[in-house]
Amino acid sequence: MIDKESLISKKDNFILLKEELEKAGFSIDLLFENALSSISFVTENPDPIEISIKFIDESYYRVSYWDGYGVTEFYDYAQLNKGMKKFYKFITKAKSNIDKFGIK
């Protein structure tokens, strides 16, 4: 069995990401737990854009993207580093959608 890397080991990465997004003018909520980390873009939408990474059943990491309106995407990865790459791509996608569609 492969030992899975804890999301706790990436806590500093999530905090830095939150700070970078706030410097860029986004209002961000960060949820950080042992098996789940998520970033939500705080907007007037009561169900805002959210990107999360969750450790599932001691076997894989699920990276999810919610656009705040009805589109959900998720991908499963055996390795945390691959999941984190997708997490960052979803952050870029969220920023682009906010800029493109003027989501408030």
N, C-alpha and C. Protein backbone atom coordinates (compact mmCIF):
# COMPACT_ATOMS: atom_id res chain seq x y z
N MET A 1 0.84 -1.19 0.00
CA MET A 1 0.00 0.00 0.00
C MET A 1 0.88 1.25 0.00
N ILE A 2 0.49 2.22 -0.78
CA ILE A 2 1.23 3.47 -0.88
C ILE A 2 0.74 4.42 0.21
N ASP A 3 1.67 4.97 0.98
CA ASP A 3 1.29 5.98 1.96
C ASP A 3 0.89 7.25 1.22
N LYS A 4 -0.24 7.79 1.57
CA LYS A 4 -0.71 8.99 0.92
C LYS A 4 -0.21 10.22 1.65
N GLU A 5 0.20 11.21 0.88
CA GLU A 5 0.67 12.46 1.44
C GLU A 5 -0.51 13.25 1.99
N SER A 6 -0.34 13.79 3.13
CA SER A 6 -1.40 14.55 3.79
C SER A 6 -1.56 15.93 3.17
N LEU A 7 -2.80 16.38 3.09
CA LEU A 7 -3.05 17.74 2.63
C LEU A 7 -2.44 18.77 3.59
N ILE A 8 -2.25 18.38 4.84
CA ILE A 8 -1.63 19.27 5.83
C ILE A 8 -0.25 19.72 5.34
N SER A 9 0.44 18.84 4.63
CA SER A 9 1.77 19.19 4.14
C SER A 9 1.73 20.32 3.11
N LYS A 10 0.56 20.60 2.56
CA LYS A 10 0.41 21.65 1.55
C LYS A 10 -0.24 22.91 2.12
N LYS A 11 -0.40 22.97 3.43
CA LYS A 11 -1.10 24.10 4.04
C LYS A 11 -0.49 25.44 3.64
N ASP A 12 0.83 25.54 3.68
CA ASP A 12 1.49 26.79 3.31
C ASP A 12 1.18 27.18 1.86
N ASN A 13 1.10 26.18 0.96
CA ASN A 13 0.77 26.46 -0.43
C ASN A 13 -0.62 27.09 -0.55
N PHE A 14 -1.58 26.56 0.20
CA PHE A 14 -2.94 27.10 0.15
C PHE A 14 -3.00 28.52 0.72
N ILE A 15 -2.27 28.76 1.79
CA ILE A 15 -2.26 30.09 2.39
C ILE A 15 -1.62 31.10 1.44
N LEU A 16 -0.52 30.72 0.81
CA LEU A 16 0.13 31.61 -0.16
C LEU A 16 -0.78 31.87 -1.37
N LEU A 17 -1.46 30.85 -1.83
CA LEU A 17 -2.38 31.01 -2.95
C LEU A 17 -3.49 31.99 -2.59
N LYS A 18 -4.05 31.85 -1.40
CA LYS A 18 -5.09 32.77 -0.94
C LYS A 18 -4.57 34.20 -0.93
N GLU A 19 -3.36 34.40 -0.39
CA GLU A 19 -2.78 35.75 -0.33
C GLU A 19 -2.56 36.32 -1.73
N GLU A 20 -2.09 35.49 -2.66
CA GLU A 20 -1.86 35.94 -4.04
C GLU A 20 -3.18 36.36 -4.70
N LEU A 21 -4.21 35.56 -4.50
CA LEU A 21 -5.51 35.89 -5.09
C LEU A 21 -6.08 37.17 -4.48
N GLU A 22 -5.90 37.36 -3.19
CA GLU A 22 -6.39 38.59 -2.55
C GLU A 22 -5.62 39.80 -3.04
N LYS A 23 -4.31 39.66 -3.29
CA LYS A 23 -3.52 40.75 -3.85
C LYS A 23 -4.00 41.11 -5.25
N ALA A 24 -4.52 40.11 -5.97
CA ALA A 24 -5.03 40.33 -7.33
C ALA A 24 -6.44 40.91 -7.32
N GLY A 25 -7.01 41.13 -6.13
CA GLY A 25 -8.32 41.77 -6.02
C GLY A 25 -9.50 40.84 -5.80
N PHE A 26 -9.24 39.57 -5.58
CA PHE A 26 -10.32 38.62 -5.34
C PHE A 26 -10.55 38.47 -3.84
N SER A 27 -11.79 38.31 -3.46
CA SER A 27 -12.12 38.02 -2.07
C SER A 27 -12.24 36.50 -1.96
N ILE A 28 -11.49 35.91 -1.01
CA ILE A 28 -11.34 34.46 -0.94
C ILE A 28 -11.66 33.95 0.45
N ASP A 29 -12.37 32.82 0.49
CA ASP A 29 -12.54 32.05 1.72
C ASP A 29 -11.74 30.78 1.56
N LEU A 30 -10.95 30.45 2.57
CA LEU A 30 -10.13 29.24 2.56
C LEU A 30 -10.63 28.31 3.65
N LEU A 31 -10.95 27.08 3.27
CA LEU A 31 -11.31 26.04 4.22
C LEU A 31 -10.18 25.04 4.19
N PHE A 32 -9.66 24.73 5.37
CA PHE A 32 -8.52 23.81 5.42
C PHE A 32 -8.71 22.82 6.55
N GLU A 33 -8.81 21.54 6.20
CA GLU A 33 -8.94 20.47 7.16
C GLU A 33 -7.96 19.36 6.80
N ASN A 34 -7.91 18.31 7.61
CA ASN A 34 -6.97 17.22 7.35
C ASN A 34 -7.19 16.57 5.98
N ALA A 35 -8.42 16.30 5.62
CA ALA A 35 -8.71 15.56 4.39
C ALA A 35 -9.39 16.41 3.32
N LEU A 36 -9.56 17.72 3.56
CA LEU A 36 -10.25 18.57 2.59
C LEU A 36 -9.68 19.98 2.65
N SER A 37 -9.41 20.53 1.48
CA SER A 37 -9.04 21.94 1.37
C SER A 37 -9.85 22.52 0.23
N SER A 38 -10.37 23.74 0.45
CA SER A 38 -11.13 24.37 -0.62
C SER A 38 -10.93 25.88 -0.58
N ILE A 39 -11.06 26.46 -1.76
CA ILE A 39 -11.00 27.90 -1.92
C ILE A 39 -12.30 28.32 -2.60
N SER A 40 -12.97 29.31 -2.01
CA SER A 40 -14.20 29.86 -2.59
C SER A 40 -13.95 31.32 -2.92
N PHE A 41 -14.42 31.71 -4.09
CA PHE A 41 -14.35 33.11 -4.50
C PHE A 41 -15.61 33.79 -3.98
N VAL A 42 -15.46 34.71 -3.07
CA VAL A 42 -16.60 35.38 -2.45
C VAL A 42 -17.15 36.41 -3.44
N THR A 43 -18.41 36.20 -3.83
CA THR A 43 -19.08 37.09 -4.77
C THR A 43 -20.51 37.30 -4.28
N GLU A 44 -21.28 38.06 -5.06
CA GLU A 44 -22.68 38.27 -4.72
C GLU A 44 -23.51 37.01 -4.93
N ASN A 45 -22.99 36.07 -5.70
CA ASN A 45 -23.67 34.80 -5.92
C ASN A 45 -23.72 34.05 -4.59
N PRO A 46 -24.89 33.63 -4.14
CA PRO A 46 -24.98 32.92 -2.86
C PRO A 46 -24.31 31.55 -2.88
N ASP A 47 -24.01 31.04 -4.06
CA ASP A 47 -23.33 29.75 -4.22
C ASP A 47 -22.11 29.99 -5.10
N PRO A 48 -21.02 30.53 -4.54
CA PRO A 48 -19.90 31.01 -5.34
C PRO A 48 -19.04 29.91 -5.94
N ILE A 49 -18.14 30.33 -6.83
CA ILE A 49 -17.17 29.41 -7.42
C ILE A 49 -16.34 28.80 -6.30
N GLU A 50 -16.19 27.48 -6.37
CA GLU A 50 -15.41 26.79 -5.35
C GLU A 50 -14.54 25.71 -5.99
N ILE A 51 -13.30 25.65 -5.56
CA ILE A 51 -12.37 24.63 -5.99
C ILE A 51 -11.91 23.89 -4.75
N SER A 52 -11.97 22.56 -4.79
CA SER A 52 -11.57 21.80 -3.60
C SER A 52 -10.74 20.58 -3.99
N ILE A 53 -9.99 20.12 -3.01
CA ILE A 53 -9.26 18.86 -3.15
C ILE A 53 -9.52 18.08 -1.87
N LYS A 54 -9.92 16.82 -2.06
CA LYS A 54 -10.32 15.99 -0.92
C LYS A 54 -9.65 14.63 -1.02
N PHE A 55 -9.19 14.15 0.11
CA PHE A 55 -8.61 12.82 0.21
C PHE A 55 -9.75 11.84 0.45
N ILE A 56 -9.91 10.86 -0.46
CA ILE A 56 -11.05 9.95 -0.43
C ILE A 56 -10.58 8.52 -0.10
N ASP A 57 -11.18 7.94 0.90
CA ASP A 57 -11.01 6.51 1.20
C ASP A 57 -9.57 6.01 1.20
N GLU A 58 -8.65 6.82 1.63
CA GLU A 58 -7.24 6.42 1.70
C GLU A 58 -6.72 5.84 0.40
N SER A 59 -7.31 6.26 -0.73
CA SER A 59 -6.83 5.70 -1.99
C SER A 59 -6.60 6.74 -3.09
N TYR A 60 -7.30 7.88 -3.05
CA TYR A 60 -7.10 8.87 -4.10
C TYR A 60 -7.54 10.25 -3.63
N TYR A 61 -7.16 11.24 -4.43
CA TYR A 61 -7.53 12.63 -4.18
C TYR A 61 -8.52 13.06 -5.25
N ARG A 62 -9.60 13.69 -4.84
CA ARG A 62 -10.60 14.20 -5.78
C ARG A 62 -10.49 15.72 -5.82
N VAL A 63 -10.28 16.24 -7.02
CA VAL A 63 -10.21 17.68 -7.23
C VAL A 63 -11.51 18.08 -7.93
N SER A 64 -12.23 19.04 -7.32
CA SER A 64 -13.55 19.44 -7.83
C SER A 64 -13.58 20.93 -8.14
N TYR A 65 -14.37 21.26 -9.15
CA TYR A 65 -14.59 22.65 -9.54
C TYR A 65 -16.09 22.88 -9.66
N TRP A 66 -16.59 23.87 -8.96
CA TRP A 66 -17.99 24.27 -9.04
C TRP A 66 -18.01 25.70 -9.54
N ASP A 67 -18.74 25.98 -10.63
CA ASP A 67 -18.71 27.32 -11.22
C ASP A 67 -19.72 28.29 -10.62
N GLY A 68 -20.53 27.81 -9.67
CA GLY A 68 -21.48 28.69 -9.01
C GLY A 68 -22.83 28.76 -9.71
N TYR A 69 -22.96 28.12 -10.87
CA TYR A 69 -24.21 28.20 -11.61
C TYR A 69 -24.77 26.86 -12.04
N GLY A 70 -23.99 25.81 -12.09
CA GLY A 70 -24.55 24.53 -12.47
C GLY A 70 -23.56 23.58 -13.10
N VAL A 71 -22.32 24.01 -13.28
CA VAL A 71 -21.33 23.13 -13.89
C VAL A 71 -20.36 22.65 -12.81
N THR A 72 -20.28 21.34 -12.68
CA THR A 72 -19.34 20.73 -11.76
C THR A 72 -18.42 19.82 -12.54
N GLU A 73 -17.14 19.92 -12.25
CA GLU A 73 -16.15 19.02 -12.82
C GLU A 73 -15.38 18.41 -11.66
N PHE A 74 -14.98 17.16 -11.81
CA PHE A 74 -14.08 16.58 -10.82
C PHE A 74 -13.19 15.54 -11.47
N TYR A 75 -12.01 15.41 -10.92
CA TYR A 75 -11.01 14.47 -11.40
C TYR A 75 -10.40 13.77 -10.20
N ASP A 76 -10.08 12.50 -10.36
CA ASP A 76 -9.48 11.71 -9.30
C ASP A 76 -8.03 11.40 -9.65
N TYR A 77 -7.15 11.52 -8.64
CA TYR A 77 -5.72 11.30 -8.83
C TYR A 77 -5.19 10.42 -7.71
N ALA A 78 -4.25 9.55 -8.06
CA ALA A 78 -3.61 8.70 -7.06
C ALA A 78 -2.52 9.46 -6.31
N GLN A 79 -1.97 10.50 -6.93
CA GLN A 79 -0.89 11.26 -6.33
C GLN A 79 -1.33 12.70 -6.04
N LEU A 80 -0.94 13.18 -4.87
CA LEU A 80 -1.32 14.54 -4.47
C LEU A 80 -0.74 15.59 -5.41
N ASN A 81 0.50 15.42 -5.85
CA ASN A 81 1.11 16.42 -6.72
C ASN A 81 0.33 16.60 -8.02
N LYS A 82 -0.16 15.52 -8.59
CA LYS A 82 -0.98 15.62 -9.81
C LYS A 82 -2.30 16.30 -9.50
N GLY A 83 -2.89 15.99 -8.36
CA GLY A 83 -4.12 16.65 -7.95
C GLY A 83 -3.92 18.14 -7.75
N MET A 84 -2.78 18.52 -7.17
CA MET A 84 -2.49 19.94 -6.95
C MET A 84 -2.33 20.68 -8.27
N LYS A 85 -1.75 20.04 -9.28
CA LYS A 85 -1.62 20.67 -10.59
C LYS A 85 -3.01 21.00 -11.15
N LYS A 86 -3.93 20.06 -11.03
CA LYS A 86 -5.29 20.29 -11.51
C LYS A 86 -5.97 21.37 -10.68
N PHE A 87 -5.73 21.38 -9.37
CA PHE A 87 -6.28 22.40 -8.49
C PHE A 87 -5.87 23.79 -8.98
N TYR A 88 -4.58 23.96 -9.29
CA TYR A 88 -4.09 25.26 -9.78
C TYR A 88 -4.69 25.61 -11.14
N LYS A 89 -4.89 24.62 -11.99
CA LYS A 89 -5.53 24.88 -13.30
C LYS A 89 -6.97 25.35 -13.09
N PHE A 90 -7.66 24.77 -12.13
CA PHE A 90 -9.02 25.21 -11.82
C PHE A 90 -9.03 26.64 -11.27
N ILE A 91 -8.02 27.01 -10.49
CA ILE A 91 -7.92 28.39 -9.99
C ILE A 91 -7.79 29.34 -11.18
N THR A 92 -6.94 29.00 -12.13
CA THR A 92 -6.77 29.82 -13.34
C THR A 92 -8.08 29.92 -14.11
N LYS A 93 -8.79 28.82 -14.22
CA LYS A 93 -10.08 28.80 -14.91
C LYS A 93 -11.08 29.70 -14.20
N ALA A 94 -11.12 29.65 -12.88
CA ALA A 94 -12.05 30.48 -12.10
C ALA A 94 -11.75 31.96 -12.32
N LYS A 95 -10.47 32.33 -12.24
CA LYS A 95 -10.09 33.74 -12.45
C LYS A 95 -10.49 34.20 -13.85
N SER A 96 -10.26 33.35 -14.83
CA SER A 96 -10.61 33.68 -16.21
C SER A 96 -12.12 33.87 -16.37
N ASN A 97 -12.91 32.98 -15.78
CA ASN A 97 -14.37 33.10 -15.87
C ASN A 97 -14.87 34.36 -15.18
N ILE A 98 -14.27 34.70 -14.06
CA ILE A 98 -14.67 35.91 -13.36
C ILE A 98 -14.35 37.14 -14.21
N ASP A 99 -13.16 37.17 -14.81
CA ASP A 99 -12.77 38.28 -15.68
C ASP A 99 -13.63 38.33 -16.94
N LYS A 100 -13.89 37.17 -17.53
CA LYS A 100 -14.62 37.10 -18.78
C LYS A 100 -16.10 37.45 -18.64
N PHE A 101 -16.73 36.94 -17.62
CA PHE A 101 -18.16 37.09 -17.46
C PHE A 101 -18.55 38.15 -16.43
N GLY A 102 -17.56 38.76 -15.80
CA GLY A 102 -17.84 39.82 -14.85
C GLY A 102 -18.63 39.37 -13.64
N ILE A 103 -18.36 38.17 -13.19
CA ILE A 103 -19.07 37.63 -12.03
C ILE A 103 -18.73 38.49 -10.82
N LYS A 104 -19.76 38.93 -10.15
CA LYS A 104 -19.56 39.78 -8.97
C LYS A 104 -19.77 38.99 -7.71
